């Protein structure tokens, strides 16, 4: 079993992250991204990827002072890889990309209109 496939009990996860067991259970209910697996006897077990998510939730809630709902939304965006731009350069790059896409869509619409008028 590789390190990323380790099975960690909820109490061990609690010890490693400093988050009480009852809070971990609440987070499982509030964060769809945190879904530890269960064994045949229905006991939950955490893996390394779950602990990374717990640490990120902990950071968002305790350090960044986000609500659970806000932290869940931000975590969802992060896990999808759609973070908002953090620098002016990233923002400019995003704007340029959007502008190119809009221009391409407008050109396509113009071509479609032109073809439709020519066929009349």
PDB file of N, CA and C in Angstrom:
ATOM      1  N   UNK A   1       0.853  -1.174   0.000  1.00  0.00           N
ATOM      2  CA  UNK A   1       0.000   0.000   0.000  1.00  0.00           C
ATOM      3  C   UNK A   1       0.897   1.234   0.000  1.00  0.00           C
ATOM      4  N   UNK A   2       0.719   2.103  -0.983  1.00  0.00           N
ATOM      5  CA  UNK A   2       1.558   3.294  -1.065  1.00  0.00           C
ATOM      6  C   UNK A   2       1.157   4.289   0.015  1.00  0.00           C
ATOM      7  N   UNK A   3       2.016   5.265   0.228  1.00  0.00           N
ATOM      8  CA  UNK A   3       1.782   6.264   1.257  1.00  0.00           C
ATOM      9  C   UNK A   3       0.475   7.025   1.037  1.00  0.00           C
ATOM     10  N   UNK A   4       0.126   7.314  -0.239  1.00  0.00           N
ATOM     11  CA  UNK A   4      -1.087   8.071  -0.524  1.00  0.00           C
ATOM     12  C   UNK A   4      -2.346   7.226  -0.307  1.00  0.00           C
ATOM     13  N   UNK A   5      -2.180   5.901  -0.168  1.00  0.00           N
ATOM     14  CA  UNK A   5      -3.317   5.014   0.048  1.00  0.00           C
ATOM     15  C   UNK A   5      -3.438   4.574   1.498  1.00  0.00           C
ATOM     16  N   UNK A   6      -2.679   5.193   2.394  1.00  0.00           N
ATOM     17  CA  UNK A   6      -2.761   4.835   3.812  1.00  0.00           C
ATOM     18  C   UNK A   6      -4.178   5.010   4.324  1.00  0.00           C
ATOM     19  N   UNK A   7      -4.582   4.158   5.211  1.00  0.00           N
ATOM     20  CA  UNK A   7      -5.888   4.273   5.853  1.00  0.00           C
ATOM     21  C   UNK A   7      -5.672   4.822   7.252  1.00  0.00           C
ATOM     22  N   UNK A   8      -6.262   5.977   7.495  1.00  0.00           N
ATOM     23  CA  UNK A   8      -6.065   6.660   8.773  1.00  0.00           C
ATOM     24  C   UNK A   8      -7.428   6.779   9.447  1.00  0.00           C
ATOM     25  N   UNK A   9      -7.510   6.379  10.692  1.00  0.00           N
ATOM     26  CA  UNK A   9      -8.777   6.485  11.416  1.00  0.00           C
ATOM     27  C   UNK A   9      -9.101   7.955  11.663  1.00  0.00           C
ATOM     28  N   UNK A  10     -10.355   8.223  11.977  1.00  0.00           N
ATOM     29  CA  UNK A  10     -10.754   9.604  12.226  1.00  0.00           C
ATOM     30  C   UNK A  10     -10.050  10.169  13.459  1.00  0.00           C
ATOM     31  N   UNK A  11      -9.799   9.323  14.440  1.00  0.00           N
ATOM     32  CA  UNK A  11      -9.101   9.814  15.638  1.00  0.00           C
ATOM     33  C   UNK A  11      -7.643  10.159  15.318  1.00  0.00           C
ATOM     34  N   UNK A  12      -7.001   9.363  14.474  1.00  0.00           N
ATOM     35  CA  UNK A  12      -5.632   9.663  14.060  1.00  0.00           C
ATOM     36  C   UNK A  12      -5.613  10.925  13.198  1.00  0.00           C
ATOM     37  N   UNK A  13      -6.604  11.055  12.322  1.00  0.00           N
ATOM     38  CA  UNK A  13      -6.712  12.270  11.505  1.00  0.00           C
ATOM     39  C   UNK A  13      -6.886  13.482  12.404  1.00  0.00           C
ATOM     40  N   UNK A  14      -7.673  13.341  13.430  1.00  0.00           N
ATOM     41  CA  UNK A  14      -7.877  14.419  14.401  1.00  0.00           C
ATOM     42  C   UNK A  14      -6.563  14.789  15.087  1.00  0.00           C
ATOM     43  N   UNK A  15      -5.825  13.780  15.523  1.00  0.00           N
ATOM     44  CA  UNK A  15      -4.534  14.027  16.172  1.00  0.00           C
ATOM     45  C   UNK A  15      -3.553  14.725  15.231  1.00  0.00           C
ATOM     46  N   UNK A  16      -3.524  14.287  13.966  1.00  0.00           N
ATOM     47  CA  UNK A  16      -2.563  14.838  13.004  1.00  0.00           C
ATOM     48  C   UNK A  16      -2.898  16.263  12.589  1.00  0.00           C
ATOM     49  N   UNK A  17      -4.188  16.596  12.533  1.00  0.00           N
ATOM     50  CA  UNK A  17      -4.590  17.917  12.049  1.00  0.00           C
ATOM     51  C   UNK A  17      -4.920  18.904  13.167  1.00  0.00           C
ATOM     52  N   UNK A  18      -5.142  18.382  14.361  1.00  0.00           N
ATOM     53  CA  UNK A  18      -5.525  19.258  15.471  1.00  0.00           C
ATOM     54  C   UNK A  18      -6.997  19.651  15.431  1.00  0.00           C
ATOM     55  N   UNK A  19      -7.779  18.986  14.607  1.00  0.00           N
ATOM     56  CA  UNK A  19      -9.218  19.260  14.501  1.00  0.00           C
ATOM     57  C   UNK A  19      -9.961  18.171  15.273  1.00  0.00           C
ATOM     58  N   UNK A  20     -10.811  18.560  16.222  1.00  0.00           N
ATOM     59  CA  UNK A  20     -11.540  17.547  16.996  1.00  0.00           C
ATOM     60  C   UNK A  20     -12.386  16.638  16.094  1.00  0.00           C
ATOM     61  N   UNK A  21     -12.580  15.402  16.546  1.00  0.00           N
ATOM     62  CA  UNK A  21     -13.324  14.403  15.788  1.00  0.00           C
ATOM     63  C   UNK A  21     -14.716  14.910  15.424  1.00  0.00           C
ATOM     64  N   UNK A  22     -15.406  15.542  16.392  1.00  0.00           N
ATOM     65  CA  UNK A  22     -16.774  16.003  16.100  1.00  0.00           C
ATOM     66  C   UNK A  22     -16.787  17.091  15.028  1.00  0.00           C
ATOM     67  N   UNK A  23     -15.725  17.904  14.950  1.00  0.00           N
ATOM     68  CA  UNK A  23     -15.639  18.943  13.924  1.00  0.00           C
ATOM     69  C   UNK A  23     -15.371  18.291  12.566  1.00  0.00           C
ATOM     70  N   UNK A  24     -14.520  17.268  12.541  1.00  0.00           N
ATOM     71  CA  UNK A  24     -14.279  16.552  11.283  1.00  0.00           C
ATOM     72  C   UNK A  24     -15.584  15.975  10.742  1.00  0.00           C
ATOM     73  N   UNK A  25     -16.401  15.418  11.626  1.00  0.00           N
ATOM     74  CA  UNK A  25     -17.688  14.860  11.188  1.00  0.00           C
ATOM     75  C   UNK A  25     -18.593  15.964  10.643  1.00  0.00           C
ATOM     76  N   UNK A  26     -18.602  17.120  11.317  1.00  0.00           N
ATOM     77  CA  UNK A  26     -19.401  18.247  10.817  1.00  0.00           C
ATOM     78  C   UNK A  26     -18.902  18.694   9.448  1.00  0.00           C
ATOM     79  N   UNK A  27     -17.588  18.781   9.282  1.00  0.00           N
ATOM     80  CA  UNK A  27     -17.015  19.210   8.007  1.00  0.00           C
ATOM     81  C   UNK A  27     -17.357  18.223   6.889  1.00  0.00           C
ATOM     82  N   UNK A  28     -17.390  16.940   7.217  1.00  0.00           N
ATOM     83  CA  UNK A  28     -17.770  15.945   6.207  1.00  0.00           C
ATOM     84  C   UNK A  28     -19.176  16.231   5.689  1.00  0.00           C
ATOM     85  N   UNK A  29     -20.055  16.674   6.578  1.00  0.00           N
ATOM     86  CA  UNK A  29     -21.429  16.974   6.185  1.00  0.00           C
ATOM     87  C   UNK A  29     -21.530  18.296   5.419  1.00  0.00           C
ATOM     88  N   UNK A  30     -20.638  19.244   5.718  1.00  0.00           N
ATOM     89  CA  UNK A  30     -20.729  20.588   5.131  1.00  0.00           C
ATOM     90  C   UNK A  30     -19.867  20.794   3.892  1.00  0.00           C
ATOM     91  N   UNK A  31     -18.847  19.967   3.708  1.00  0.00           N
ATOM     92  CA  UNK A  31     -17.920  20.114   2.591  1.00  0.00           C
ATOM     93  C   UNK A  31     -18.008  18.876   1.695  1.00  0.00           C
ATOM     94  N   UNK A  32     -18.642  19.017   0.538  1.00  0.00           N
ATOM     95  CA  UNK A  32     -18.746  17.854  -0.351  1.00  0.00           C
ATOM     96  C   UNK A  32     -17.384  17.349  -0.820  1.00  0.00           C
ATOM     97  N   UNK A  33     -16.368  18.191  -0.720  1.00  0.00           N
ATOM     98  CA  UNK A  33     -15.018  17.800  -1.151  1.00  0.00           C
ATOM     99  C   UNK A  33     -14.363  16.828  -0.161  1.00  0.00           C
ATOM    100  N   UNK A  34     -14.865  16.780   1.060  1.00  0.00           N
ATOM    101  CA  UNK A  34     -14.294  15.928   2.105  1.00  0.00           C
ATOM    102  C   UNK A  34     -15.189  14.714   2.295  1.00  0.00           C
ATOM    103  N   UNK A  35     -14.813  13.637   1.644  1.00  0.00           N
ATOM    104  CA  UNK A  35     -15.595  12.403   1.712  1.00  0.00           C
ATOM    105  C   UNK A  35     -14.671  11.223   1.985  1.00  0.00           C
ATOM    106  N   UNK A  36     -14.307  11.011   3.260  1.00  0.00           N
ATOM    107  CA  UNK A  36     -13.473   9.844   3.544  1.00  0.00           C
ATOM    108  C   UNK A  36     -14.211   8.555   3.186  1.00  0.00           C
ATOM    109  N   UNK A  37     -13.447   7.576   2.804  1.00  0.00           N
ATOM    110  CA  UNK A  37     -14.046   6.291   2.429  1.00  0.00           C
ATOM    111  C   UNK A  37     -14.418   5.519   3.686  1.00  0.00           C
ATOM    112  N   UNK A  38     -15.154   4.448   3.477  1.00  0.00           N
ATOM    113  CA  UNK A  38     -15.547   3.592   4.602  1.00  0.00           C
ATOM    114  C   UNK A  38     -15.131   2.153   4.308  1.00  0.00           C
ATOM    115  N   UNK A  39     -14.810   1.446   5.370  1.00  0.00           N
ATOM    116  CA  UNK A  39     -14.419   0.048   5.191  1.00  0.00           C
ATOM    117  C   UNK A  39     -15.664  -0.842   5.283  1.00  0.00           C
ATOM    118  N   UNK A  40     -15.459  -2.137   5.255  1.00  0.00           N
ATOM    119  CA  UNK A  40     -16.589  -3.080   5.242  1.00  0.00           C
ATOM    120  C   UNK A  40     -17.460  -2.973   6.491  1.00  0.00           C
ATOM    121  N   UNK A  41     -16.863  -2.577   7.591  1.00  0.00           N
ATOM    122  CA  UNK A  41     -17.652  -2.437   8.821  1.00  0.00           C
ATOM    123  C   UNK A  41     -18.195  -1.014   8.976  1.00  0.00           C
ATOM    124  N   UNK A  42     -18.148  -0.247   7.894  1.00  0.00           N
ATOM    125  CA  UNK A  42     -18.702   1.104   7.806  1.00  0.00           C
ATOM    126  C   UNK A  42     -17.961   2.141   8.656  1.00  0.00           C
ATOM    127  N   UNK A  43     -16.720   1.839   9.033  1.00  0.00           N
ATOM    128  CA  UNK A  43     -15.913   2.842   9.732  1.00  0.00           C
ATOM    129  C   UNK A  43     -15.215   3.701   8.698  1.00  0.00           C
ATOM    130  N   UNK A  44     -15.256   5.012   8.936  1.00  0.00           N
ATOM    131  CA  UNK A  44     -14.614   5.914   7.974  1.00  0.00           C
ATOM    132  C   UNK A  44     -13.108   5.839   8.139  1.00  0.00           C
ATOM    133  N   UNK A  45     -12.418   6.022   7.043  1.00  0.00           N
ATOM    134  CA  UNK A  45     -10.960   6.155   7.102  1.00  0.00           C
ATOM    135  C   UNK A  45     -10.524   7.256   6.149  1.00  0.00           C
ATOM    136  N   UNK A  46      -9.561   8.004   6.601  1.00  0.00           N
ATOM    137  CA  UNK A  46      -9.018   9.112   5.839  1.00  0.00           C
ATOM    138  C   UNK A  46      -7.772   8.654   5.092  1.00  0.00           C
ATOM    139  N   UNK A  47      -7.529   9.300   3.966  1.00  0.00           N
ATOM    140  CA  UNK A  47      -6.300   9.086   3.218  1.00  0.00           C
ATOM    141  C   UNK A  47      -5.552  10.410   3.192  1.00  0.00           C
ATOM    142  N   UNK A  48      -4.333  10.399   2.665  1.00  0.00           N
ATOM    143  CA  UNK A  48      -3.527  11.613   2.642  1.00  0.00           C
ATOM    144  C   UNK A  48      -4.242  12.763   1.928  1.00  0.00           C
ATOM    145  N   UNK A  49      -4.941  12.463   0.829  1.00  0.00           N
ATOM    146  CA  UNK A  49      -5.656  13.520   0.100  1.00  0.00           C
ATOM    147  C   UNK A  49      -6.736  14.148   0.981  1.00  0.00           C
ATOM    148  N   UNK A  50      -7.377  13.358   1.839  1.00  0.00           N
ATOM    149  CA  UNK A  50      -8.385  13.890   2.750  1.00  0.00           C
ATOM    150  C   UNK A  50      -7.747  14.821   3.783  1.00  0.00           C
ATOM    151  N   UNK A  51      -6.570  14.439   4.259  1.00  0.00           N
ATOM    152  CA  UNK A  51      -5.878  15.276   5.246  1.00  0.00           C
ATOM    153  C   UNK A  51      -5.463  16.614   4.641  1.00  0.00           C
ATOM    154  N   UNK A  52      -5.096  16.605   3.362  1.00  0.00           N
ATOM    155  CA  UNK A  52      -4.742  17.855   2.677  1.00  0.00           C
ATOM    156  C   UNK A  52      -5.974  18.760   2.617  1.00  0.00           C
ATOM    157  N   UNK A  53      -7.118  18.185   2.325  1.00  0.00           N
ATOM    158  CA  UNK A  53      -8.354  18.967   2.275  1.00  0.00           C
ATOM    159  C   UNK A  53      -8.696  19.500   3.665  1.00  0.00           C
ATOM    160  N   UNK A  54      -8.548  18.677   4.693  1.00  0.00           N
ATOM    161  CA  UNK A  54      -8.818  19.120   6.061  1.00  0.00           C
ATOM    162  C   UNK A  54      -7.909  20.294   6.422  1.00  0.00           C
ATOM    163  N   UNK A  55      -6.633  20.198   6.085  1.00  0.00           N
ATOM    164  CA  UNK A  55      -5.692  21.287   6.380  1.00  0.00           C
ATOM    165  C   UNK A  55      -6.085  22.567   5.654  1.00  0.00           C
ATOM    166  N   UNK A  56      -6.560  22.449   4.413  1.00  0.00           N
ATOM    167  CA  UNK A  56      -6.963  23.634   3.661  1.00  0.00           C
ATOM    168  C   UNK A  56      -8.225  24.247   4.266  1.00  0.00           C
ATOM    169  N   UNK A  57      -9.189  23.405   4.660  1.00  0.00           N
ATOM    170  CA  UNK A  57     -10.402  23.909   5.313  1.00  0.00           C
ATOM    171  C   UNK A  57     -10.022  24.623   6.612  1.00  0.00           C
ATOM    172  N   UNK A  58      -9.131  24.018   7.358  1.00  0.00           N
ATOM    173  CA  UNK A  58      -8.669  24.602   8.619  1.00  0.00           C
ATOM    174  C   UNK A  58      -8.079  25.997   8.375  1.00  0.00           C
ATOM    175  N   UNK A  59      -7.277  26.109   7.333  1.00  0.00           N
ATOM    176  CA  UNK A  59      -6.662  27.394   6.996  1.00  0.00           C
ATOM    177  C   UNK A  59      -7.720  28.429   6.609  1.00  0.00           C
ATOM    178  N   UNK A  60      -8.663  28.027   5.763  1.00  0.00           N
ATOM    179  CA  UNK A  60      -9.702  28.956   5.312  1.00  0.00           C
ATOM    180  C   UNK A  60     -10.597  29.418   6.460  1.00  0.00           C
ATOM    181  N   UNK A  61     -10.951  28.488   7.343  1.00  0.00           N
ATOM    182  CA  UNK A  61     -11.889  28.808   8.421  1.00  0.00           C
ATOM    183  C   UNK A  61     -11.189  29.515   9.582  1.00  0.00           C
ATOM    184  N   UNK A  62     -10.077  28.991  10.040  1.00  0.00           N
ATOM    185  CA  UNK A  62      -9.439  29.536  11.237  1.00  0.00           C
ATOM    186  C   UNK A  62      -8.488  30.698  10.956  1.00  0.00           C
ATOM    187  N   UNK A  63      -7.712  30.617   9.877  1.00  0.00           N
ATOM    188  CA  UNK A  63      -6.758  31.695   9.596  1.00  0.00           C
ATOM    189  C   UNK A  63      -7.390  32.814   8.773  1.00  0.00           C
ATOM    190  N   UNK A  64      -8.107  32.439   7.703  1.00  0.00           N
ATOM    191  CA  UNK A  64      -8.705  33.443   6.823  1.00  0.00           C
ATOM    192  C   UNK A  64     -10.060  33.918   7.327  1.00  0.00           C
ATOM    193  N   UNK A  65     -10.562  33.289   8.398  1.00  0.00           N
ATOM    194  CA  UNK A  65     -11.820  33.678   9.048  1.00  0.00           C
ATOM    195  C   UNK A  65     -13.025  33.626   8.101  1.00  0.00           C
ATOM    196  N   UNK A  66     -13.037  32.626   7.217  1.00  0.00           N
ATOM    197  CA  UNK A  66     -14.154  32.472   6.283  1.00  0.00           C
ATOM    198  C   UNK A  66     -15.272  31.670   6.949  1.00  0.00           C
ATOM    199  N   UNK A  67     -16.495  31.888   6.479  1.00  0.00           N
ATOM    200  CA  UNK A  67     -17.603  31.059   6.935  1.00  0.00           C
ATOM    201  C   UNK A  67     -17.435  29.674   6.309  1.00  0.00           C
ATOM    202  N   UNK A  68     -18.141  28.702   6.837  1.00  0.00           N
ATOM    203  CA  UNK A  68     -18.062  27.355   6.261  1.00  0.00           C
ATOM    204  C   UNK A  68     -18.567  27.366   4.825  1.00  0.00           C
ATOM    205  N   UNK A  69     -19.628  28.133   4.560  1.00  0.00           N
ATOM    206  CA  UNK A  69     -20.162  28.209   3.199  1.00  0.00           C
ATOM    207  C   UNK A  69     -19.154  28.853   2.249  1.00  0.00           C
ATOM    208  N   UNK A  70     -18.544  29.953   2.684  1.00  0.00           N
ATOM    209  CA  UNK A  70     -17.547  30.630   1.858  1.00  0.00           C
ATOM    210  C   UNK A  70     -16.327  29.758   1.625  1.00  0.00           C
ATOM    211  N   UNK A  71     -15.896  29.066   2.672  1.00  0.00           N
ATOM    212  CA  UNK A  71     -14.741  28.181   2.548  1.00  0.00           C
ATOM    213  C   UNK A  71     -15.039  27.032   1.593  1.00  0.00           C
ATOM    214  N   UNK A  72     -16.262  26.514   1.634  1.00  0.00           N
ATOM    215  CA  UNK A  72     -16.639  25.422   0.738  1.00  0.00           C
ATOM    216  C   UNK A  72     -16.612  25.880  -0.714  1.00  0.00           C
ATOM    217  N   UNK A  73     -17.132  27.080  -0.967  1.00  0.00           N
ATOM    218  CA  UNK A  73     -17.138  27.609  -2.333  1.00  0.00           C
ATOM    219  C   UNK A  73     -15.712  27.845  -2.837  1.00  0.00           C
ATOM    220  N   UNK A  74     -14.878  28.427  -1.969  1.00  0.00           N
ATOM    221  CA  UNK A  74     -13.499  28.693  -2.381  1.00  0.00           C
ATOM    222  C   UNK A  74     -12.748  27.390  -2.630  1.00  0.00           C
ATOM    223  N   UNK A  75     -12.944  26.421  -1.760  1.00  0.00           N
ATOM    224  CA  UNK A  75     -12.292  25.122  -1.927  1.00  0.00           C
ATOM    225  C   UNK A  75     -12.734  24.453  -3.220  1.00  0.00           C
ATOM    226  N   UNK A  76     -14.011  24.577  -3.539  1.00  0.00           N
ATOM    227  CA  UNK A  76     -14.522  23.997  -4.785  1.00  0.00           C
ATOM    228  C   UNK A  76     -13.821  24.616  -5.992  1.00  0.00           C
ATOM    229  N   UNK A  77     -13.678  25.941  -5.980  1.00  0.00           N
ATOM    230  CA  UNK A  77     -12.984  26.620  -7.077  1.00  0.00           C
ATOM    231  C   UNK A  77     -11.523  26.186  -7.160  1.00  0.00           C
ATOM    232  N   UNK A  78     -10.879  26.081  -6.021  1.00  0.00           N
ATOM    233  CA  UNK A  78      -9.471  25.679  -5.998  1.00  0.00           C
ATOM    234  C   UNK A  78      -9.286  24.272  -6.535  1.00  0.00           C
ATOM    235  N   UNK A  79     -10.157  23.370  -6.146  1.00  0.00           N
ATOM    236  CA  UNK A  79     -10.016  21.987  -6.582  1.00  0.00           C
ATOM    237  C   UNK A  79     -10.347  21.827  -8.060  1.00  0.00           C
ATOM    238  N   UNK A  80     -11.180  22.720  -8.587  1.00  0.00           N
ATOM    239  CA  UNK A  80     -11.475  22.699 -10.018  1.00  0.00           C
ATOM    240  C   UNK A  80     -10.378  23.398 -10.810  1.00  0.00           C
ATOM    241  N   UNK A  81      -9.497  24.092 -10.123  1.00  0.00           N
ATOM    242  CA  UNK A  81      -8.418  24.798 -10.808  1.00  0.00           C
ATOM    243  C   UNK A  81      -8.860  26.111 -11.412  1.00  0.00           C
ATOM    244  N   UNK A  82      -9.937  26.683 -10.894  1.00  0.00           N
ATOM    245  CA  UNK A  82     -10.441  27.942 -11.423  1.00  0.00           C
ATOM    246  C   UNK A  82     -10.331  29.048 -10.380  1.00  0.00           C
ATOM    247  N   UNK A  83      -9.156  29.239  -9.880  1.00  0.00           N
ATOM    248  CA  UNK A  83      -8.943  30.302  -8.904  1.00  0.00           C
ATOM    249  C   UNK A  83      -9.056  31.664  -9.574  1.00  0.00           C
ATOM    250  N   UNK A  84      -9.544  32.645  -8.836  1.00  0.00           N
ATOM    251  CA  UNK A  84      -9.546  33.994  -9.402  1.00  0.00           C
ATOM    252  C   UNK A  84      -8.110  34.512  -9.519  1.00  0.00           C
ATOM    253  N   UNK A  85      -7.876  35.438 -10.443  1.00  0.00           N
ATOM    254  CA  UNK A  85      -6.515  35.956 -10.606  1.00  0.00           C
ATOM    255  C   UNK A  85      -6.033  36.634  -9.318  1.00  0.00           C
ATOM    256  N   UNK A  86      -4.773  36.411  -9.002  1.00  0.00           N
ATOM    257  CA  UNK A  86      -4.220  36.976  -7.780  1.00  0.00           C
ATOM    258  C   UNK A  86      -3.326  38.183  -8.047  1.00  0.00           C
ATOM    259  N   UNK A  87      -2.856  38.332  -9.276  1.00  0.00           N
ATOM    260  CA  UNK A  87      -1.981  39.455  -9.604  1.00  0.00           C
ATOM    261  C   UNK A  87      -2.561  40.214 -10.791  1.00  0.00           C
ATOM    262  N   UNK A  88      -2.067  41.421 -10.974  1.00  0.00           N
ATOM    263  CA  UNK A  88      -2.500  42.229 -12.109  1.00  0.00           C
ATOM    264  C   UNK A  88      -2.152  41.537 -13.423  1.00  0.00           C
ATOM    265  N   UNK A  89      -0.988  40.921 -13.484  1.00  0.00           N
ATOM    266  CA  UNK A  89      -0.574  40.227 -14.711  1.00  0.00           C
ATOM    267  C   UNK A  89      -1.529  39.072 -15.027  1.00  0.00           C
ATOM    268  N   UNK A  90      -1.909  38.315 -14.007  1.00  0.00           N
ATOM    269  CA  UNK A  90      -2.862  37.215 -14.217  1.00  0.00           C
ATOM    270  C   UNK A  90      -4.217  37.756 -14.679  1.00  0.00           C
ATOM    271  N   UNK A  91      -4.630  38.879 -14.102  1.00  0.00           N
ATOM    272  CA  UNK A  91      -5.899  39.478 -14.473  1.00  0.00           C
ATOM    273  C   UNK A  91      -5.866  39.952 -15.930  1.00  0.00           C
ATOM    274  N   UNK A  92      -4.776  40.590 -16.333  1.00  0.00           N
ATOM    275  CA  UNK A  92      -4.644  41.043 -17.725  1.00  0.00           C
ATOM    276  C   UNK A  92      -4.678  39.867 -18.690  1.00  0.00           C
ATOM    277  N   UNK A  93      -3.982  38.795 -18.319  1.00  0.00           N
ATOM    278  CA  UNK A  93      -3.959  37.611 -19.177  1.00  0.00           C
ATOM    279  C   UNK A  93      -5.369  37.039 -19.328  1.00  0.00           C
ATOM    280  N   UNK A  94      -6.109  36.986 -18.224  1.00  0.00           N
ATOM    281  CA  UNK A  94      -7.484  36.484 -18.262  1.00  0.00           C
ATOM    282  C   UNK A  94      -8.365  37.382 -19.131  1.00  0.00           C
ATOM    283  N   UNK A  95      -8.221  38.685 -18.982  1.00  0.00           N
ATOM    284  CA  UNK A  95      -9.007  39.637 -19.784  1.00  0.00           C
ATOM    285  C   UNK A  95      -8.692  39.471 -21.268  1.00  0.00           C
ATOM    286  N   UNK A  96      -7.415  39.325 -21.607  1.00  0.00           N
ATOM    287  CA  UNK A  96      -7.018  39.123 -23.008  1.00  0.00           C
ATOM    288  C   UNK A  96      -7.621  37.840 -23.572  1.00  0.00           C
ATOM    289  N   UNK A  97      -7.611  36.796 -22.782  1.00  0.00           N
ATOM    290  CA  UNK A  97      -8.193  35.526 -23.223  1.00  0.00           C
ATOM    291  C   UNK A  97      -9.695  35.678 -23.467  1.00  0.00           C
ATOM    292  N   UNK A  98     -10.369  36.337 -22.538  1.00  0.00           N
ATOM    293  CA  UNK A  98     -11.813  36.554 -22.689  1.00  0.00           C
ATOM    294  C   UNK A  98     -12.083  37.406 -23.923  1.00  0.00           C
ATOM    295  N   UNK A  99     -11.282  38.457 -24.103  1.00  0.00           N
ATOM    296  CA  UNK A  99     -11.469  39.337 -25.263  1.00  0.00           C
ATOM    297  C   UNK A  99     -11.307  38.566 -26.572  1.00  0.00           C
ATOM    298  N   UNK A 100     -10.291  37.718 -26.663  1.00  0.00           N
ATOM    299  CA  UNK A 100     -10.085  36.909 -27.874  1.00  0.00           C
ATOM    300  C   UNK A 100     -11.277  35.985 -28.120  1.00  0.00           C
ATOM    301  N   UNK A 101     -11.777  35.373 -27.052  1.00  0.00           N
ATOM    302  CA  UNK A 101     -12.925  34.467 -27.191  1.00  0.00           C
ATOM    303  C   UNK A 101     -14.175  35.218 -27.652  1.00  0.00           C
ATOM    304  N   UNK A 102     -14.391  36.413 -27.103  1.00  0.00           N
ATOM    305  CA  UNK A 102     -15.553  37.212 -27.490  1.00  0.00           C
ATOM    306  C   UNK A 102     -15.440  37.636 -28.951  1.00  0.00           C
ATOM    307  N   UNK A 103     -14.240  38.088 -29.356  1.00  0.00           N
ATOM    308  CA  UNK A 103     -14.035  38.492 -30.753  1.00  0.00           C
ATOM    309  C   UNK A 103     -14.280  37.310 -31.706  1.00  0.00           C
ATOM    310  N   UNK A 104     -13.799  36.145 -31.331  1.00  0.00           N
ATOM    311  CA  UNK A 104     -13.995  34.956 -32.165  1.00  0.00           C
ATOM    312  C   UNK A 104     -15.483  34.628 -32.270  1.00  0.00           C
ATOM    313  N   UNK A 105     -16.213  34.747 -31.171  1.00  0.00           N
ATOM    314  CA  UNK A 105     -17.651  34.469 -31.188  1.00  0.00           C
ATOM    315  C   UNK A 105     -18.382  35.493 -32.056  1.00  0.00           C
ATOM    316  N   UNK A 106     -17.999  36.767 -31.948  1.00  0.00           N
ATOM    317  CA  UNK A 106     -18.627  37.803 -32.771  1.00  0.00           C
ATOM    318  C   UNK A 106     -18.346  37.577 -34.251  1.00  0.00           C
ATOM    319  N   UNK A 107     -17.110  37.218 -34.582  1.00  0.00           N
ATOM    320  CA  UNK A 107     -16.763  36.936 -35.978  1.00  0.00           C
ATOM    321  C   UNK A 107     -17.578  35.764 -36.513  1.00  0.00           C
ATOM    322  N   UNK A 108     -17.741  34.739 -35.705  1.00  0.00           N
ATOM    323  CA  UNK A 108     -18.529  33.588 -36.113  1.00  0.00           C
ATOM    324  C   UNK A 108     -19.991  33.976 -36.356  1.00  0.00           C
ATOM    325  N   UNK A 109     -20.516  34.820 -35.478  1.00  0.00           N
ATOM    326  CA  UNK A 109     -21.892  35.293 -35.647  1.00  0.00           C
ATOM    327  C   UNK A 109     -22.015  36.126 -36.922  1.00  0.00           C
ATOM    328  N   UNK A 110     -21.022  36.984 -37.192  1.00  0.00           N
ATOM    329  CA  UNK A 110     -21.037  37.803 -38.416  1.00  0.00           C
ATOM    330  C   UNK A 110     -21.021  36.912 -39.654  1.00  0.00           C
ATOM    331  N   UNK A 111     -20.171  35.882 -39.653  1.00  0.00           N
ATOM    332  CA  UNK A 111     -20.103  34.961 -40.792  1.00  0.00           C
ATOM    333  C   UNK A 111     -21.434  34.251 -41.000  1.00  0.00           C
ATOM    334  N   UNK A 112     -22.038  33.827 -39.920  1.00  0.00           N
ATOM    335  CA  UNK A 112     -23.323  33.133 -40.000  1.00  0.00           C
ATOM    336  C   UNK A 112     -24.390  34.061 -40.573  1.00  0.00           C
ATOM    337  N   UNK A 113     -24.418  35.309 -40.087  1.00  0.00           N
ATOM    338  CA  UNK A 113     -25.384  36.288 -40.609  1.00  0.00           C
ATOM    339  C   UNK A 113     -25.140  36.565 -42.092  1.00  0.00           C
ATOM    340  N   UNK A 114     -23.867  36.713 -42.463  1.00  0.00           N
ATOM    341  CA  UNK A 114     -23.514  37.003 -43.854  1.00  0.00           C
ATOM    342  C   UNK A 114     -23.959  35.844 -44.746  1.00  0.00           C
ATOM    343  N   UNK A 115     -23.707  34.607 -44.348  1.00  0.00           N
ATOM    344  CA  UNK A 115     -24.104  33.437 -45.142  1.00  0.00           C
ATOM    345  C   UNK A 115     -25.620  33.344 -45.262  1.00  0.00           C
ATOM    346  N   UNK A 116     -26.298  33.673 -44.182  1.00  0.00           N
ATOM    347  CA  UNK A 116     -27.758  33.611 -44.206  1.00  0.00           C
ATOM    348  C   UNK A 116     -28.321  34.661 -45.168  1.00  0.00           C
ATOM    349  N   UNK A 117     -27.741  35.860 -45.162  1.00  0.00           N
ATOM    350  CA  UNK A 117     -28.195  36.917 -46.076  1.00  0.00           C
ATOM    351  C   UNK A 117     -27.871  36.579 -47.526  1.00  0.00           C
ATOM    352  N   UNK A 118     -26.727  35.940 -47.754  1.00  0.00           N
ATOM    353  CA  UNK A 118     -26.338  35.570 -49.121  1.00  0.00           C
ATOM    354  C   UNK A 118     -27.241  34.473 -49.675  1.00  0.00           C
ATOM    355  N   UNK A 119     -27.750  33.632 -48.813  1.00  0.00           N
ATOM    356  CA  UNK A 119     -28.571  32.524 -49.290  1.00  0.00           C
ATOM    357  C   UNK A 119     -30.011  32.957 -49.591  1.00  0.00           C
ATOM    358  N   UNK A 120     -30.384  34.165 -49.219  1.00  0.00           N
ATOM    359  CA  UNK A 120     -31.749  34.649 -49.475  1.00  0.00           C
ATOM    360  C   UNK A 120     -31.926  35.129 -50.872  1.00  0.00           C
TER     361      UNK A 120
END
